[in-house]
């Protein structure tokens, strides 16, 4: 959305954003793809660069829709990733200067392990049952905390 709105003047941003948002309220992947192309075609005459961007990025933007619908809200948001990056930055800034690359890898690795445990055990964003439907090996289990 930021990329699209960056190619549009301030006076037209709200209208273009409203038009693009219609894609993400569609019930199925097919309907969303059809709406995506319709929006791009509607914008093509007035905002050709936006339409070209939409043509080029359709697969990437709508990729989350191949997953079960109950996962869509978790997948399409980058908030968890942004929060993780913010936490890594906060912790590395406290240290300031690292003696070597291995020290950075140890700290960031520990943070990633900690976050993995939190996501897997405390804040399970996706149920194991719904994940089992999309993997080749449907037998899923969570590793022990100490493993």
N, C-alpha and C. Protein backbone atom coordinates (compact mmCIF):
# COMPACT_ATOMS: atom_id res chain seq x y z
N UNK A 1 0.84 -1.18 0.00
CA UNK A 1 0.00 0.00 0.00
C UNK A 1 0.88 1.25 0.00
N UNK A 2 1.97 1.22 0.77
CA UNK A 2 2.88 2.37 0.78
C UNK A 2 3.47 2.62 -0.59
N UNK A 3 3.85 1.56 -1.28
CA UNK A 3 4.41 1.71 -2.62
C UNK A 3 3.39 2.31 -3.58
N UNK A 4 2.17 1.87 -3.49
CA UNK A 4 1.11 2.39 -4.36
C UNK A 4 0.87 3.86 -4.06
N UNK A 5 0.68 4.17 -2.78
CA UNK A 5 0.35 5.55 -2.41
C UNK A 5 1.52 6.51 -2.64
N UNK A 6 2.73 5.99 -2.66
CA UNK A 6 3.88 6.82 -2.96
C UNK A 6 3.92 7.29 -4.41
N UNK A 7 3.15 6.66 -5.26
CA UNK A 7 3.10 7.01 -6.69
C UNK A 7 1.89 7.88 -7.03
N UNK A 8 1.17 8.29 -6.00
CA UNK A 8 -0.05 9.06 -6.19
C UNK A 8 0.07 10.37 -5.42
N UNK A 9 -0.44 11.45 -5.97
CA UNK A 9 -0.44 12.73 -5.27
C UNK A 9 -1.29 12.68 -4.01
N UNK A 10 -1.01 13.60 -3.08
CA UNK A 10 -1.72 13.61 -1.80
C UNK A 10 -3.23 13.73 -1.94
N UNK A 11 -3.67 14.47 -2.92
CA UNK A 11 -5.11 14.68 -3.07
C UNK A 11 -5.85 13.42 -3.51
N UNK A 12 -5.15 12.47 -4.12
CA UNK A 12 -5.79 11.26 -4.64
C UNK A 12 -5.53 10.03 -3.78
N UNK A 13 -4.73 10.17 -2.74
CA UNK A 13 -4.34 9.00 -1.94
C UNK A 13 -5.52 8.30 -1.28
N UNK A 14 -6.43 9.04 -0.71
CA UNK A 14 -7.56 8.41 -0.02
C UNK A 14 -8.42 7.60 -0.99
N UNK A 15 -8.67 8.14 -2.15
CA UNK A 15 -9.50 7.44 -3.14
C UNK A 15 -8.80 6.19 -3.66
N UNK A 16 -7.52 6.30 -3.95
CA UNK A 16 -6.76 5.15 -4.45
C UNK A 16 -6.67 4.08 -3.36
N UNK A 17 -6.41 4.50 -2.13
CA UNK A 17 -6.33 3.54 -1.02
C UNK A 17 -7.66 2.80 -0.85
N UNK A 18 -8.76 3.53 -0.92
CA UNK A 18 -10.08 2.90 -0.78
C UNK A 18 -10.31 1.88 -1.90
N UNK A 19 -9.88 2.22 -3.09
CA UNK A 19 -10.05 1.32 -4.23
C UNK A 19 -9.20 0.06 -4.05
N UNK A 20 -7.95 0.22 -3.63
CA UNK A 20 -7.06 -0.94 -3.45
C UNK A 20 -7.54 -1.81 -2.29
N UNK A 21 -8.08 -1.21 -1.25
CA UNK A 21 -8.55 -1.99 -0.10
C UNK A 21 -9.71 -2.92 -0.45
N UNK A 22 -10.40 -2.63 -1.53
CA UNK A 22 -11.50 -3.52 -1.93
C UNK A 22 -11.00 -4.91 -2.29
N UNK A 23 -9.73 -5.00 -2.65
CA UNK A 23 -9.15 -6.31 -2.99
C UNK A 23 -9.09 -7.20 -1.76
N UNK A 24 -8.74 -6.61 -0.63
CA UNK A 24 -8.46 -7.40 0.56
C UNK A 24 -9.69 -7.81 1.36
N UNK A 25 -10.87 -7.39 0.93
CA UNK A 25 -12.10 -7.82 1.60
C UNK A 25 -12.81 -8.93 0.84
N UNK A 26 -12.20 -9.39 -0.22
CA UNK A 26 -12.79 -10.47 -1.02
C UNK A 26 -12.73 -11.77 -0.23
N UNK A 27 -13.70 -12.63 -0.45
CA UNK A 27 -13.82 -13.88 0.29
C UNK A 27 -12.90 -15.00 -0.21
N UNK A 28 -12.55 -14.97 -1.49
CA UNK A 28 -11.74 -16.05 -2.05
C UNK A 28 -10.54 -15.46 -2.79
N UNK A 29 -9.56 -16.31 -3.02
CA UNK A 29 -8.37 -15.89 -3.75
C UNK A 29 -8.74 -15.50 -5.18
N UNK A 30 -9.61 -16.25 -5.80
CA UNK A 30 -10.02 -15.96 -7.18
C UNK A 30 -10.70 -14.60 -7.27
N UNK A 31 -11.60 -14.33 -6.33
CA UNK A 31 -12.29 -13.03 -6.32
C UNK A 31 -11.31 -11.89 -6.07
N UNK A 32 -10.34 -12.12 -5.21
CA UNK A 32 -9.35 -11.08 -4.92
C UNK A 32 -8.49 -10.81 -6.15
N UNK A 33 -8.09 -11.85 -6.85
CA UNK A 33 -7.29 -11.66 -8.07
C UNK A 33 -8.09 -10.92 -9.14
N UNK A 34 -9.35 -11.27 -9.28
CA UNK A 34 -10.21 -10.58 -10.25
C UNK A 34 -10.37 -9.11 -9.88
N UNK A 35 -10.58 -8.84 -8.59
CA UNK A 35 -10.72 -7.46 -8.13
C UNK A 35 -9.40 -6.70 -8.30
N UNK A 36 -8.27 -7.37 -8.03
CA UNK A 36 -6.94 -6.77 -8.20
C UNK A 36 -6.77 -6.26 -9.63
N UNK A 37 -7.09 -7.13 -10.58
CA UNK A 37 -6.95 -6.75 -11.99
C UNK A 37 -7.92 -5.64 -12.37
N UNK A 38 -9.12 -5.68 -11.83
CA UNK A 38 -10.11 -4.65 -12.10
C UNK A 38 -9.64 -3.29 -11.56
N UNK A 39 -9.10 -3.29 -10.35
CA UNK A 39 -8.59 -2.05 -9.76
C UNK A 39 -7.43 -1.52 -10.59
N UNK A 40 -6.51 -2.40 -10.98
CA UNK A 40 -5.37 -1.97 -11.80
C UNK A 40 -5.85 -1.37 -13.12
N UNK A 41 -6.83 -2.00 -13.74
CA UNK A 41 -7.37 -1.49 -15.00
C UNK A 41 -8.04 -0.13 -14.81
N UNK A 42 -8.76 0.03 -13.70
CA UNK A 42 -9.42 1.31 -13.43
C UNK A 42 -8.41 2.43 -13.19
N UNK A 43 -7.27 2.10 -12.62
CA UNK A 43 -6.25 3.11 -12.32
C UNK A 43 -5.31 3.36 -13.49
N UNK A 44 -5.31 2.49 -14.47
CA UNK A 44 -4.33 2.53 -15.56
C UNK A 44 -4.32 3.87 -16.32
N UNK A 45 -5.48 4.39 -16.63
CA UNK A 45 -5.52 5.62 -17.43
C UNK A 45 -4.97 6.82 -16.67
N UNK A 46 -5.35 6.96 -15.41
CA UNK A 46 -4.95 8.13 -14.63
C UNK A 46 -3.62 7.93 -13.91
N UNK A 47 -3.38 6.74 -13.41
CA UNK A 47 -2.16 6.44 -12.64
C UNK A 47 -1.49 5.21 -13.23
N UNK A 48 -0.88 5.36 -14.37
CA UNK A 48 -0.28 4.23 -15.08
C UNK A 48 0.82 3.56 -14.26
N UNK A 49 1.63 4.34 -13.54
CA UNK A 49 2.71 3.73 -12.76
C UNK A 49 2.15 2.85 -11.65
N UNK A 50 1.01 3.22 -11.09
CA UNK A 50 0.37 2.39 -10.06
C UNK A 50 -0.13 1.09 -10.68
N UNK A 51 -0.75 1.19 -11.84
CA UNK A 51 -1.26 -0.01 -12.52
C UNK A 51 -0.12 -0.95 -12.88
N UNK A 52 0.99 -0.40 -13.35
CA UNK A 52 2.15 -1.24 -13.68
C UNK A 52 2.71 -1.92 -12.44
N UNK A 53 2.77 -1.18 -11.34
CA UNK A 53 3.23 -1.77 -10.08
C UNK A 53 2.30 -2.89 -9.65
N UNK A 54 1.01 -2.67 -9.77
CA UNK A 54 0.05 -3.70 -9.39
C UNK A 54 0.17 -4.92 -10.29
N UNK A 55 0.38 -4.71 -11.59
CA UNK A 55 0.56 -5.85 -12.51
C UNK A 55 1.77 -6.68 -12.10
N UNK A 56 2.85 -6.00 -11.74
CA UNK A 56 4.09 -6.70 -11.41
C UNK A 56 4.06 -7.37 -10.04
N UNK A 57 3.24 -6.87 -9.12
CA UNK A 57 3.30 -7.37 -7.75
C UNK A 57 2.10 -8.22 -7.33
N UNK A 58 1.22 -8.54 -8.24
CA UNK A 58 0.02 -9.29 -7.89
C UNK A 58 0.34 -10.60 -7.16
N UNK A 59 1.24 -11.38 -7.71
CA UNK A 59 1.58 -12.68 -7.10
C UNK A 59 2.13 -12.51 -5.69
N UNK A 60 3.01 -11.54 -5.50
CA UNK A 60 3.63 -11.33 -4.19
C UNK A 60 2.62 -10.84 -3.16
N UNK A 61 1.79 -9.89 -3.54
CA UNK A 61 0.86 -9.29 -2.59
C UNK A 61 -0.24 -10.27 -2.19
N UNK A 62 -0.70 -11.07 -3.11
CA UNK A 62 -1.82 -11.97 -2.81
C UNK A 62 -1.37 -13.39 -2.45
N UNK A 63 -0.08 -13.58 -2.24
CA UNK A 63 0.44 -14.91 -1.94
C UNK A 63 -0.14 -15.50 -0.65
N UNK A 64 -0.45 -14.65 0.32
CA UNK A 64 -0.98 -15.16 1.58
C UNK A 64 -2.33 -15.86 1.42
N UNK A 65 -3.01 -15.63 0.31
CA UNK A 65 -4.34 -16.19 0.12
C UNK A 65 -4.34 -17.67 -0.26
N UNK A 66 -3.18 -18.27 -0.46
CA UNK A 66 -3.15 -19.71 -0.72
C UNK A 66 -3.28 -20.49 0.59
N UNK A 67 -3.14 -19.81 1.71
CA UNK A 67 -3.27 -20.44 3.02
C UNK A 67 -4.74 -20.44 3.43
N UNK A 68 -5.10 -21.23 4.43
CA UNK A 68 -6.49 -21.23 4.90
C UNK A 68 -6.92 -19.82 5.33
N UNK A 69 -8.17 -19.52 5.13
CA UNK A 69 -8.71 -18.18 5.39
C UNK A 69 -8.47 -17.72 6.82
N UNK A 70 -8.52 -18.63 7.77
CA UNK A 70 -8.32 -18.21 9.17
C UNK A 70 -6.89 -17.73 9.45
N UNK A 71 -5.96 -18.00 8.53
CA UNK A 71 -4.59 -17.53 8.69
C UNK A 71 -4.33 -16.17 8.05
N UNK A 72 -5.24 -15.73 7.22
CA UNK A 72 -4.99 -14.53 6.42
C UNK A 72 -4.63 -13.32 7.27
N UNK A 73 -5.34 -13.09 8.35
CA UNK A 73 -5.07 -11.89 9.14
C UNK A 73 -3.69 -11.93 9.78
N UNK A 74 -3.22 -13.11 10.15
CA UNK A 74 -1.89 -13.21 10.74
C UNK A 74 -0.79 -13.08 9.69
N UNK A 75 -1.03 -13.62 8.51
CA UNK A 75 0.01 -13.64 7.47
C UNK A 75 0.16 -12.30 6.78
N UNK A 76 -0.94 -11.63 6.47
CA UNK A 76 -0.81 -10.41 5.66
C UNK A 76 -0.23 -9.24 6.42
N UNK A 77 -0.17 -9.33 7.73
CA UNK A 77 0.40 -8.26 8.54
C UNK A 77 1.89 -8.51 8.78
N UNK A 78 2.66 -7.45 8.75
CA UNK A 78 4.09 -7.56 9.06
C UNK A 78 4.38 -7.13 10.49
N UNK A 79 3.35 -6.91 11.29
CA UNK A 79 3.55 -6.44 12.66
C UNK A 79 4.45 -7.34 13.50
N UNK A 80 4.25 -8.67 13.49
CA UNK A 80 5.14 -9.51 14.30
C UNK A 80 6.61 -9.40 13.87
N UNK A 81 6.85 -9.33 12.58
CA UNK A 81 8.21 -9.20 12.08
C UNK A 81 8.81 -7.85 12.47
N UNK A 82 8.02 -6.79 12.34
CA UNK A 82 8.50 -5.46 12.72
C UNK A 82 8.79 -5.40 14.21
N UNK A 83 7.96 -6.05 15.02
CA UNK A 83 8.18 -6.08 16.47
C UNK A 83 9.46 -6.83 16.80
N UNK A 84 9.70 -7.94 16.11
CA UNK A 84 10.92 -8.71 16.32
C UNK A 84 12.15 -7.88 15.96
N UNK A 85 12.11 -7.20 14.82
CA UNK A 85 13.24 -6.36 14.41
C UNK A 85 13.48 -5.24 15.40
N UNK A 86 12.40 -4.66 15.93
CA UNK A 86 12.54 -3.59 16.91
C UNK A 86 13.20 -4.10 18.19
N UNK A 87 12.82 -5.31 18.62
CA UNK A 87 13.41 -5.90 19.82
C UNK A 87 14.89 -6.22 19.62
N UNK A 88 15.24 -6.73 18.45
CA UNK A 88 16.65 -7.00 18.15
C UNK A 88 17.44 -5.71 18.18
N UNK A 89 16.92 -4.67 17.57
CA UNK A 89 17.60 -3.38 17.56
C UNK A 89 17.77 -2.83 18.97
N UNK A 90 16.71 -2.93 19.78
CA UNK A 90 16.77 -2.44 21.16
C UNK A 90 17.84 -3.16 21.96
N UNK A 91 17.89 -4.47 21.84
CA UNK A 91 18.87 -5.25 22.61
C UNK A 91 20.30 -5.04 22.12
N UNK A 92 20.48 -4.91 20.81
CA UNK A 92 21.85 -4.70 20.30
C UNK A 92 22.34 -3.29 20.60
N UNK A 93 21.44 -2.32 20.67
CA UNK A 93 21.85 -0.96 21.01
C UNK A 93 22.34 -0.87 22.45
N UNK A 94 21.79 -1.70 23.34
CA UNK A 94 22.22 -1.71 24.74
C UNK A 94 23.68 -2.14 24.82
N UNK A 95 24.06 -3.14 24.02
CA UNK A 95 25.43 -3.63 24.03
C UNK A 95 26.38 -2.60 23.44
N UNK A 96 25.97 -1.96 22.37
CA UNK A 96 26.79 -0.93 21.75
C UNK A 96 27.80 -1.49 20.78
N UNK A 97 28.92 -1.95 21.31
CA UNK A 97 30.00 -2.47 20.46
C UNK A 97 30.19 -3.96 20.76
N UNK A 98 30.15 -4.77 19.73
CA UNK A 98 30.35 -6.20 19.89
C UNK A 98 31.82 -6.53 19.62
N UNK A 99 32.40 -7.45 20.39
CA UNK A 99 33.81 -7.79 20.18
C UNK A 99 34.07 -8.50 18.86
N UNK A 100 33.07 -9.25 18.36
CA UNK A 100 33.24 -9.96 17.09
C UNK A 100 31.87 -10.36 16.54
N UNK A 101 31.88 -10.91 15.34
CA UNK A 101 30.62 -11.31 14.70
C UNK A 101 29.92 -12.44 15.46
N UNK A 102 30.71 -13.32 16.06
CA UNK A 102 30.11 -14.44 16.80
C UNK A 102 29.26 -13.94 17.97
N UNK A 103 29.67 -12.86 18.61
CA UNK A 103 28.90 -12.30 19.72
C UNK A 103 27.55 -11.78 19.24
N UNK A 104 27.53 -11.17 18.08
CA UNK A 104 26.26 -10.68 17.52
C UNK A 104 25.35 -11.86 17.21
N UNK A 105 25.92 -12.89 16.61
CA UNK A 105 25.13 -14.07 16.23
C UNK A 105 24.57 -14.74 17.48
N UNK A 106 25.35 -14.82 18.55
CA UNK A 106 24.86 -15.42 19.79
C UNK A 106 23.69 -14.63 20.37
N UNK A 107 23.81 -13.31 20.42
CA UNK A 107 22.74 -12.49 20.98
C UNK A 107 21.48 -12.56 20.12
N UNK A 108 21.61 -12.37 18.83
CA UNK A 108 20.45 -12.40 17.96
C UNK A 108 19.85 -13.81 17.92
N UNK A 109 20.68 -14.82 17.91
CA UNK A 109 20.19 -16.19 17.94
C UNK A 109 19.39 -16.48 19.20
N UNK A 110 19.88 -16.00 20.33
CA UNK A 110 19.16 -16.19 21.59
C UNK A 110 17.80 -15.47 21.55
N UNK A 111 17.79 -14.27 20.97
CA UNK A 111 16.54 -13.52 20.85
C UNK A 111 15.55 -14.26 19.94
N UNK A 112 16.06 -14.82 18.85
CA UNK A 112 15.19 -15.55 17.93
C UNK A 112 14.63 -16.82 18.58
N UNK A 113 15.45 -17.52 19.36
CA UNK A 113 14.96 -18.70 20.07
C UNK A 113 13.89 -18.32 21.09
N UNK A 114 14.15 -17.24 21.80
CA UNK A 114 13.17 -16.76 22.78
C UNK A 114 11.85 -16.39 22.11
N UNK A 115 11.94 -15.72 20.97
CA UNK A 115 10.73 -15.33 20.24
C UNK A 115 10.01 -16.55 19.69
N UNK A 116 10.76 -17.52 19.20
CA UNK A 116 10.15 -18.75 18.68
C UNK A 116 9.35 -19.46 19.78
N UNK A 117 9.93 -19.56 20.97
CA UNK A 117 9.21 -20.19 22.08
C UNK A 117 7.94 -19.43 22.42
N UNK A 118 8.03 -18.10 22.41
CA UNK A 118 6.85 -17.30 22.72
C UNK A 118 5.76 -17.50 21.67
N UNK A 119 6.13 -17.48 20.40
CA UNK A 119 5.15 -17.65 19.34
C UNK A 119 4.57 -19.06 19.34
N UNK A 120 5.39 -20.06 19.64
CA UNK A 120 4.92 -21.44 19.59
C UNK A 120 4.08 -21.82 20.81
N UNK A 121 4.44 -21.30 21.98
CA UNK A 121 3.78 -21.75 23.20
C UNK A 121 2.81 -20.74 23.78
N UNK A 122 3.23 -19.50 23.87
CA UNK A 122 2.42 -18.49 24.54
C UNK A 122 1.39 -17.87 23.62
N UNK A 123 1.85 -17.37 22.48
CA UNK A 123 0.97 -16.68 21.54
C UNK A 123 0.85 -17.48 20.27
N UNK A 124 0.19 -18.55 20.32
CA UNK A 124 0.07 -19.38 19.12
C UNK A 124 -0.87 -18.69 18.14
N UNK A 125 -0.28 -18.10 17.10
CA UNK A 125 -1.07 -17.36 16.13
C UNK A 125 -1.89 -18.27 15.23
N UNK A 126 -1.41 -19.48 15.00
CA UNK A 126 -2.12 -20.42 14.14
C UNK A 126 -2.19 -21.76 14.85
N UNK A 127 -3.34 -22.37 14.81
CA UNK A 127 -3.50 -23.64 15.50
C UNK A 127 -2.77 -24.75 14.75
N UNK A 128 -2.35 -25.75 15.49
CA UNK A 128 -1.67 -26.89 14.87
C UNK A 128 -2.59 -27.62 13.90
N UNK A 129 -3.88 -27.65 14.22
CA UNK A 129 -4.83 -28.33 13.35
C UNK A 129 -4.94 -27.63 11.99
N UNK A 130 -4.98 -26.31 12.01
CA UNK A 130 -5.10 -25.59 10.73
C UNK A 130 -3.79 -25.64 9.95
N UNK A 131 -2.67 -25.69 10.64
CA UNK A 131 -1.38 -25.82 9.96
C UNK A 131 -1.23 -27.21 9.34
N UNK A 132 -1.81 -28.22 9.98
CA UNK A 132 -1.69 -29.59 9.48
C UNK A 132 -2.32 -29.74 8.11
N UNK A 133 -3.31 -28.91 7.80
CA UNK A 133 -3.97 -29.00 6.50
C UNK A 133 -3.11 -28.51 5.35
N UNK A 134 -2.06 -27.74 5.64
CA UNK A 134 -1.27 -27.14 4.55
C UNK A 134 0.13 -27.70 4.42
N UNK A 135 0.48 -28.67 5.23
CA UNK A 135 1.82 -29.25 5.14
C UNK A 135 1.76 -30.67 4.59
N UNK A 136 2.88 -31.11 4.05
CA UNK A 136 2.94 -32.46 3.50
C UNK A 136 2.89 -33.52 4.59
N UNK A 137 3.49 -33.22 5.73
CA UNK A 137 3.51 -34.15 6.85
C UNK A 137 2.52 -33.65 7.90
N UNK A 138 1.32 -34.21 7.96
CA UNK A 138 0.29 -33.68 8.84
C UNK A 138 0.52 -33.94 10.32
N UNK A 139 1.53 -34.72 10.70
CA UNK A 139 1.79 -34.98 12.10
C UNK A 139 2.63 -33.83 12.64
N UNK A 140 1.99 -32.98 13.42
CA UNK A 140 2.66 -31.81 13.98
C UNK A 140 2.70 -31.92 15.49
N UNK A 141 3.81 -31.49 16.05
CA UNK A 141 3.90 -31.40 17.51
C UNK A 141 4.89 -30.29 17.82
N UNK A 142 4.72 -29.72 18.97
CA UNK A 142 5.62 -28.66 19.39
C UNK A 142 6.81 -29.26 20.10
N UNK A 143 8.02 -28.74 19.83
CA UNK A 143 9.19 -29.25 20.56
C UNK A 143 9.12 -28.83 22.01
N UNK A 144 9.76 -29.60 22.85
CA UNK A 144 9.85 -29.22 24.25
C UNK A 144 10.64 -27.93 24.40
N UNK A 145 10.40 -27.22 25.46
CA UNK A 145 11.06 -25.93 25.68
C UNK A 145 12.57 -26.10 25.75
N UNK A 146 13.03 -27.17 26.34
CA UNK A 146 14.47 -27.39 26.50
C UNK A 146 15.14 -27.99 25.27
N UNK A 147 14.39 -28.43 24.27
CA UNK A 147 14.96 -29.09 23.09
C UNK A 147 15.52 -28.12 22.11
